[in-house]
């Protein structure tokens, strides 16, 4: 066993462990990530929804590698990327950071004391790139779960797959039960993130989110982006909307080319140690 240095941060309660591998490569195998994930309820210093590795800089861009607490590698984490950008901005004393996931370039900017704006790129709507198991109308998906029919689901990819159901009361649905069943539904070959969203008005949406590979979460940046895009396309809201989570809001703006901009606060940076 060895102790390694790491950082703890969160975005609106969405919790991250960040490991800096820019100078020294530190390997934490999948089995160890799963083990650490099982401890998160008992050791507050290692609670996390995702663990994120900062890799060596390439042409002024910082690659990041992201794993859910179940050990699965994922391609996007909006709040986590904002936290990494904030950590790097403090370390390097700069306001703008470029990050690279395994499928997107992300431009981040520190726009307030602890507010970070992240340019997320464009959503993907093609059924085979979301991905869905078969070709169908991604804006009108019906799922049968436990003899209940869930209609008008809107599926898209914003770096990872999402499905959103717009409902009158998003907390009427028990996502501890429904979340894993929808996440693992046969329609989604790569599984999916699940959001139940209620339109408060044309500028505000309240959400209840089940995060693929992490479970019920206090906040999810990509879910906020996906929900805002779906609501805008369905003409339920404007292209500038606040997504309300348990501990605060993320602001999502969508430009005329459907580029997504996410802004919100991040926590302070706390040092911790991991036993691997």
Protein backbone atom coordinates (compact mmCIF):
# COMPACT_ATOMS: atom_id res chain seq x y z
CA UNK A 1 0.00 0.00 0.00
CA UNK A 2 1.14 3.54 -0.74
CA UNK A 3 -0.27 6.98 0.04
CA UNK A 4 -0.64 9.44 -2.82
CA UNK A 5 -1.57 13.11 -2.77
CA UNK A 6 -4.89 14.12 -4.29
CA UNK A 7 -7.41 16.94 -4.18
CA UNK A 8 -11.07 17.06 -3.20
CA UNK A 9 -13.46 19.45 -4.90
CA UNK A 10 -17.13 19.66 -5.74
CA UNK A 11 -19.47 21.55 -8.03
CA UNK A 12 -22.83 22.11 -6.32
CA UNK A 13 -22.36 18.91 -4.33
CA UNK A 14 -21.14 16.85 -7.30
CA UNK A 15 -18.00 15.39 -5.68
CA UNK A 16 -14.59 14.70 -7.19
CA UNK A 17 -11.20 13.32 -6.34
CA UNK A 18 -8.57 14.88 -8.62
CA UNK A 19 -5.15 13.29 -9.10
CA UNK A 20 -2.39 15.32 -10.78
CA UNK A 21 -0.33 13.16 -13.16
CA UNK A 22 1.40 16.01 -15.03
CA UNK A 23 4.80 15.22 -13.58
CA UNK A 24 4.52 11.71 -12.19
CA UNK A 25 2.32 8.96 -13.57
CA UNK A 26 0.23 7.40 -10.82
CA UNK A 27 -1.72 4.29 -11.68
CA UNK A 28 -4.93 3.53 -9.84
CA UNK A 29 -6.39 0.37 -11.40
CA UNK A 30 -10.09 -0.08 -11.94
CA UNK A 31 -10.37 -2.51 -9.03
CA UNK A 32 -8.92 0.09 -6.66
CA UNK A 33 -11.28 2.80 -7.95
CA UNK A 34 -14.21 0.46 -7.30
CA UNK A 35 -12.84 -0.27 -3.83
CA UNK A 36 -12.45 3.43 -3.05
CA UNK A 37 -15.95 3.99 -4.39
CA UNK A 38 -17.36 1.46 -1.94
CA UNK A 39 -15.71 3.35 0.92
CA UNK A 40 -17.12 6.74 -0.01
CA UNK A 41 -20.05 6.54 2.40
CA UNK A 42 -17.76 5.76 5.34
CA UNK A 43 -14.76 8.04 4.79
CA UNK A 44 -15.71 11.64 4.04
CA UNK A 45 -12.20 12.51 2.89
CA UNK A 46 -12.59 10.27 -0.17
CA UNK A 47 -16.24 10.74 -1.07
CA UNK A 48 -16.52 11.04 -4.82
CA UNK A 49 -18.83 10.61 -7.76
CA UNK A 50 -15.91 10.70 -10.19
CA UNK A 51 -12.15 10.45 -9.94
CA UNK A 52 -10.29 12.58 -12.48
CA UNK A 53 -6.66 12.41 -13.58
CA UNK A 54 -4.87 15.46 -14.99
CA UNK A 55 -2.42 14.29 -17.64
CA UNK A 56 0.73 15.89 -19.08
CA UNK A 57 0.16 19.12 -20.97
CA UNK A 58 0.17 18.90 -24.78
CA UNK A 59 0.32 22.16 -26.75
CA UNK A 60 -1.14 24.23 -23.92
CA UNK A 61 -3.96 21.72 -23.49
CA UNK A 62 -4.48 19.47 -20.47
CA UNK A 63 -5.88 16.01 -21.17
CA UNK A 64 -8.07 14.60 -18.41
CA UNK A 65 -9.11 11.00 -17.77
CA UNK A 66 -12.39 10.43 -15.91
CA UNK A 67 -13.72 7.41 -14.03
CA UNK A 68 -17.05 6.99 -12.27
CA UNK A 69 -17.11 5.56 -8.77
CA UNK A 70 -18.09 2.18 -10.27
CA UNK A 71 -14.72 2.07 -12.06
CA UNK A 72 -16.05 2.78 -15.54
CA UNK A 73 -14.21 5.31 -17.69
CA UNK A 74 -16.40 8.07 -19.12
CA UNK A 75 -15.90 10.71 -21.78
CA UNK A 76 -17.40 13.76 -20.10
CA UNK A 77 -17.96 15.34 -16.72
CA UNK A 78 -19.00 18.98 -16.85
CA UNK A 79 -18.73 19.86 -13.17
CA UNK A 80 -15.54 17.87 -12.81
CA UNK A 81 -13.99 19.67 -15.77
CA UNK A 82 -14.90 23.00 -14.20
CA UNK A 83 -13.22 21.92 -10.96
CA UNK A 84 -10.07 20.82 -12.78
CA UNK A 85 -9.97 24.13 -14.66
CA UNK A 86 -10.23 26.05 -11.39
CA UNK A 87 -7.47 23.96 -9.77
CA UNK A 88 -5.17 24.50 -12.76
CA UNK A 89 -5.96 28.22 -12.87
CA UNK A 90 -4.84 28.57 -9.26
CA UNK A 91 -1.72 26.49 -9.84
CA UNK A 92 -0.70 28.28 -13.04
CA UNK A 93 -2.10 31.74 -12.20
CA UNK A 94 -4.08 32.00 -15.43
CA UNK A 95 -7.77 32.60 -16.16
CA UNK A 96 -8.29 30.44 -19.26
CA UNK A 97 -7.66 26.70 -19.44
CA UNK A 98 -8.00 24.22 -22.30
CA UNK A 99 -8.95 20.67 -21.37
CA UNK A 100 -9.22 17.58 -23.54
CA UNK A 101 -11.39 14.56 -22.82
CA UNK A 102 -11.23 11.47 -25.00
CA UNK A 103 -13.82 12.96 -27.36
CA UNK A 104 -13.94 16.74 -26.87
CA UNK A 105 -11.88 19.90 -26.44
CA UNK A 106 -13.23 22.07 -23.63
CA UNK A 107 -12.45 25.75 -23.19
CA UNK A 108 -12.75 26.93 -19.60
CA UNK A 109 -12.64 30.44 -18.20
CA UNK A 110 -12.63 31.72 -14.63
CA UNK A 111 -15.34 34.38 -14.73
CA UNK A 112 -15.76 35.19 -11.03
CA UNK A 113 -14.26 34.42 -7.67
CA UNK A 114 -15.17 30.75 -7.89
CA UNK A 115 -17.35 30.75 -11.01
CA UNK A 116 -16.12 28.76 -13.99
CA UNK A 117 -17.57 28.86 -17.49
CA UNK A 118 -17.06 25.82 -19.68
CA UNK A 119 -17.63 25.69 -23.42
CA UNK A 120 -19.02 22.19 -23.91
CA UNK A 121 -19.28 22.06 -27.70
CA UNK A 122 -22.34 20.91 -29.60
CA UNK A 123 -24.87 18.19 -28.76
CA UNK A 124 -25.10 15.03 -30.83
CA UNK A 125 -28.50 13.81 -32.01
CA UNK A 126 -27.72 10.97 -34.47
CA UNK A 127 -29.19 7.77 -33.02
CA UNK A 128 -26.06 5.67 -33.59
CA UNK A 129 -23.80 8.31 -31.98
CA UNK A 130 -25.91 8.90 -28.85
CA UNK A 131 -25.88 5.81 -29.02
CA UNK A 132 -29.22 4.04 -29.25
CA UNK A 133 -29.62 0.36 -30.09
CA UNK A 134 -31.90 1.12 -33.04
CA UNK A 135 -32.98 4.00 -35.22
CA UNK A 136 -35.94 5.90 -33.82
CA UNK A 137 -37.04 9.45 -33.05
CA UNK A 138 -34.59 10.48 -30.33
CA UNK A 139 -36.92 13.35 -29.30
CA UNK A 140 -39.85 11.05 -28.56
CA UNK A 141 -38.73 7.89 -26.78
CA UNK A 142 -41.11 5.64 -24.86
CA UNK A 143 -39.82 3.20 -22.26
CA UNK A 144 -41.77 0.53 -20.39
CA UNK A 145 -40.40 0.13 -16.88
CA UNK A 146 -42.12 -2.05 -14.26
CA UNK A 147 -45.40 -1.96 -16.19
CA UNK A 148 -45.28 1.84 -16.33
CA UNK A 149 -44.95 3.75 -19.57
CA UNK A 150 -42.58 6.73 -19.70
CA UNK A 151 -43.21 8.80 -22.81
CA UNK A 152 -41.68 11.75 -24.69
CA UNK A 153 -38.14 10.98 -23.58
CA UNK A 154 -35.52 13.15 -25.29
CA UNK A 155 -32.19 11.39 -25.85
CA UNK A 156 -28.94 13.07 -26.91
CA UNK A 157 -25.20 13.06 -26.31
CA UNK A 158 -23.26 16.00 -24.87
CA UNK A 159 -20.02 14.08 -24.46
CA UNK A 160 -21.95 11.26 -22.80
CA UNK A 161 -25.47 9.86 -23.36
CA UNK A 162 -28.55 11.32 -21.65
CA UNK A 163 -32.30 10.88 -21.64
CA UNK A 164 -34.59 13.57 -20.26
CA UNK A 165 -38.23 13.26 -19.29
CA UNK A 166 -40.13 16.51 -18.75
CA UNK A 167 -42.68 16.04 -15.99
CA UNK A 168 -44.90 18.09 -13.70
CA UNK A 169 -43.01 17.13 -10.52
CA UNK A 170 -39.52 15.72 -11.00
CA UNK A 171 -39.30 14.52 -7.38
CA UNK A 172 -42.43 12.42 -7.69
CA UNK A 173 -40.24 9.75 -9.29
CA UNK A 174 -37.97 7.58 -7.12
CA UNK A 175 -34.73 7.54 -9.10
CA UNK A 176 -33.10 5.14 -6.66
CA UNK A 177 -35.46 2.57 -8.18
CA UNK A 178 -36.09 3.93 -11.69
CA UNK A 179 -32.62 5.32 -12.32
CA UNK A 180 -30.67 2.07 -12.64
CA UNK A 181 -33.46 0.45 -14.66
CA UNK A 182 -33.50 3.24 -17.22
CA UNK A 183 -29.69 3.58 -17.18
CA UNK A 184 -29.33 -0.09 -18.09
CA UNK A 185 -32.29 -0.36 -20.47
CA UNK A 186 -31.54 -2.38 -23.59
CA UNK A 187 -32.12 0.69 -25.79
CA UNK A 188 -28.86 2.20 -24.51
CA UNK A 189 -25.83 0.06 -25.43
CA UNK A 190 -23.47 2.36 -23.47
CA UNK A 191 -26.03 2.92 -20.69
CA UNK A 192 -27.36 6.44 -20.14
CA UNK A 193 -27.69 9.28 -17.66
CA UNK A 194 -31.29 9.87 -16.57
CA UNK A 195 -32.97 13.20 -15.80
CA UNK A 196 -36.51 13.99 -14.74
CA UNK A 197 -37.04 17.72 -15.27
CA UNK A 198 -39.80 20.14 -14.45
CA UNK A 199 -40.19 23.48 -16.23
CA UNK A 200 -40.59 26.20 -13.60
CA UNK A 201 -40.76 28.97 -16.21
CA UNK A 202 -39.03 29.82 -19.49
CA UNK A 203 -35.79 30.64 -17.69
CA UNK A 204 -35.67 28.03 -14.90
CA UNK A 205 -35.78 24.22 -14.75
CA UNK A 206 -35.61 21.99 -11.66
CA UNK A 207 -34.05 18.55 -12.16
CA UNK A 208 -33.69 15.18 -10.47
CA UNK A 209 -30.72 13.26 -11.86
CA UNK A 210 -29.48 9.69 -11.86
CA UNK A 211 -25.89 9.64 -13.09
CA UNK A 212 -24.63 6.71 -15.11
CA UNK A 213 -22.10 4.77 -13.06
CA UNK A 214 -22.39 7.04 -10.03
CA UNK A 215 -26.04 6.90 -9.00
CA UNK A 216 -28.28 9.57 -7.50
CA UNK A 217 -26.31 12.80 -7.55
CA UNK A 218 -26.70 16.27 -6.09
CA UNK A 219 -25.62 17.82 -9.40
CA UNK A 220 -24.48 16.83 -12.88
CA UNK A 221 -23.06 19.31 -15.37
CA UNK A 222 -23.70 17.33 -18.52
CA UNK A 223 -27.26 16.59 -17.36
CA UNK A 224 -27.78 20.34 -17.00
CA UNK A 225 -26.50 20.87 -20.55
CA UNK A 226 -28.58 18.05 -22.00
CA UNK A 227 -31.72 19.24 -20.23
CA UNK A 228 -31.27 22.83 -21.41
CA UNK A 229 -30.77 21.71 -25.02
CA UNK A 230 -33.81 19.42 -24.95
CA UNK A 231 -36.01 22.10 -23.38
CA UNK A 232 -34.87 24.72 -25.90
CA UNK A 233 -35.44 22.46 -28.90
CA UNK A 234 -38.88 21.49 -27.56
CA UNK A 235 -39.58 25.26 -27.18
CA UNK A 236 -40.22 24.91 -23.47
CA UNK A 237 -37.61 27.51 -22.45
CA UNK A 238 -35.31 30.19 -23.77
CA UNK A 239 -31.74 29.50 -24.87
CA UNK A 240 -30.44 30.97 -21.58
CA UNK A 241 -31.70 28.95 -18.64
CA UNK A 242 -30.88 28.13 -15.04
CA UNK A 243 -30.84 24.46 -14.06
CA UNK A 244 -31.67 24.06 -10.38
CA UNK A 245 -30.03 21.38 -8.25
CA UNK A 246 -30.21 20.71 -4.53
CA UNK A 247 -27.31 23.04 -3.67
CA UNK A 248 -27.67 25.71 -6.35
CA UNK A 249 -27.95 26.43 -10.06
CA UNK A 250 -25.93 26.04 -13.22
CA UNK A 251 -26.53 28.57 -15.98
CA UNK A 252 -26.64 27.13 -19.48
CA UNK A 253 -26.51 29.27 -22.62
CA UNK A 254 -26.99 27.85 -26.12
CA UNK A 255 -25.89 29.94 -29.09
CA UNK A 256 -27.34 29.99 -32.61
CA UNK A 257 -25.08 27.11 -33.66
CA UNK A 258 -26.13 25.03 -30.62
CA UNK A 259 -22.78 25.46 -28.87
CA UNK A 260 -23.31 24.97 -25.13
CA UNK A 261 -21.85 27.23 -22.42
CA UNK A 262 -22.12 26.16 -18.79
CA UNK A 263 -21.39 28.48 -15.87
CA UNK A 264 -21.50 27.88 -12.14
CA UNK A 265 -19.53 27.86 -8.88
CA UNK A 266 -16.99 25.35 -7.68
CA UNK A 267 -15.81 24.64 -4.16
CA UNK A 268 -12.49 25.41 -2.62
CA UNK A 269 -9.58 23.00 -3.12
CA UNK A 270 -8.87 20.55 -0.31
CA UNK A 271 -5.88 18.27 -0.15
CA UNK A 272 -6.33 14.62 0.74
CA UNK A 273 -4.45 11.34 0.48
CA UNK A 274 -5.46 8.07 -1.13
CA UNK A 275 -4.18 4.67 -0.04
CA UNK A 276 -3.51 2.57 -3.13
